[in-house]
Amino acid sequence: MTSSPRCIGSNDEYYFRPKAVFRILRKAAFDSNDRKRLYKEAKTFLKLRSQRNKLVKRHSDEAAAELAKA
């Protein structure tokens, strides 16, 4: 399954809102099982986000190079 840059941006906008961050951290502060799970999920999310951003940048660079050749 692939995601468009618009979808990636909307995920970022949601998960990095102060209200969402506070809600997630509040849950993690009181429940150690939740804290461990959320830590793993956060690492996975940020790794995937980084890979997607690199992929989008590489594709846009390739498209710009193709346009420059034409």
Protein backbone atom coordinates (compact mmCIF):
# COMPACT_ATOMS: atom_id res chain seq x y z
CA MET A 1 0.00 0.00 0.00
CA THR A 2 1.39 3.37 -0.96
CA SER A 3 0.48 6.73 0.45
CA SER A 4 0.37 10.03 -1.30
CA PRO A 5 2.32 12.99 0.09
CA ARG A 6 -1.04 14.56 1.03
CA CYS A 7 -1.92 11.57 3.20
CA ILE A 8 1.51 11.60 4.83
CA GLY A 9 1.14 15.29 5.60
CA SER A 10 -2.27 14.80 7.16
CA ASN A 11 -0.90 12.00 9.37
CA ASP A 12 1.89 14.32 10.49
CA GLU A 13 -0.57 17.14 11.14
CA TYR A 14 -2.69 14.85 13.31
CA TYR A 15 -0.01 13.08 15.34
CA PHE A 16 2.10 16.17 15.97
CA ARG A 17 -0.77 18.35 17.23
CA PRO A 18 -0.15 19.42 20.83
CA LYS A 19 -3.50 18.00 21.93
CA ALA A 20 -2.78 14.57 20.40
CA VAL A 21 0.76 14.50 21.82
CA PHE A 22 -0.50 15.41 25.29
CA ARG A 23 -3.22 12.75 25.17
CA ILE A 24 -0.71 10.06 24.14
CA LEU A 25 1.85 11.10 26.75
CA ARG A 26 -0.80 11.25 29.47
CA LYS A 27 -1.80 7.65 28.73
CA ALA A 28 1.84 6.56 28.73
CA ALA A 29 2.58 8.27 32.03
CA PHE A 30 0.09 6.15 33.96
CA ASP A 31 0.30 2.75 32.26
CA SER A 32 3.64 0.98 31.76
CA ASN A 33 2.19 -1.48 29.23
CA ASP A 34 0.83 1.42 27.22
CA ARG A 35 4.17 3.22 27.54
CA LYS A 36 6.08 0.27 26.07
CA ARG A 37 3.56 -0.20 23.28
CA LEU A 38 3.45 3.49 22.43
CA TYR A 39 7.25 3.70 22.39
CA LYS A 40 7.46 0.85 19.87
CA GLU A 41 4.67 2.37 17.78
CA ALA A 42 6.34 5.78 17.82
CA LYS A 43 9.65 4.33 16.66
CA THR A 44 7.90 2.44 13.86
CA PHE A 45 5.87 5.50 12.82
CA LEU A 46 8.89 7.81 12.73
CA LYS A 47 10.97 5.26 10.80
CA LEU A 48 8.21 4.79 8.23
CA ARG A 49 7.70 8.56 8.01
CA SER A 50 11.40 9.05 7.34
CA GLN A 51 11.41 6.37 4.64
CA ARG A 52 8.34 7.87 2.96
CA ASN A 53 9.83 11.37 3.01
CA LYS A 54 13.06 10.05 1.44
CA LEU A 55 11.07 8.20 -1.23
CA VAL A 56 8.99 11.28 -2.08
CA LYS A 57 12.12 13.44 -2.24
CA ARG A 58 13.90 10.92 -4.48
CA HIS A 59 10.91 10.74 -6.84
CA SER A 60 10.61 14.52 -7.01
CA ASP A 61 14.34 14.83 -7.69
CA GLU A 62 14.06 12.24 -10.48
CA ALA A 63 11.06 14.05 -11.97
CA ALA A 64 12.94 17.37 -11.85
CA ALA A 65 15.93 15.75 -13.57
CA GLU A 66 13.63 14.38 -16.29
CA LEU A 67 12.13 17.82 -16.85
CA ALA A 68 15.59 19.38 -17.00
CA LYS A 69 16.60 16.92 -19.73
CA ALA A 70 13.54 17.73 -21.84
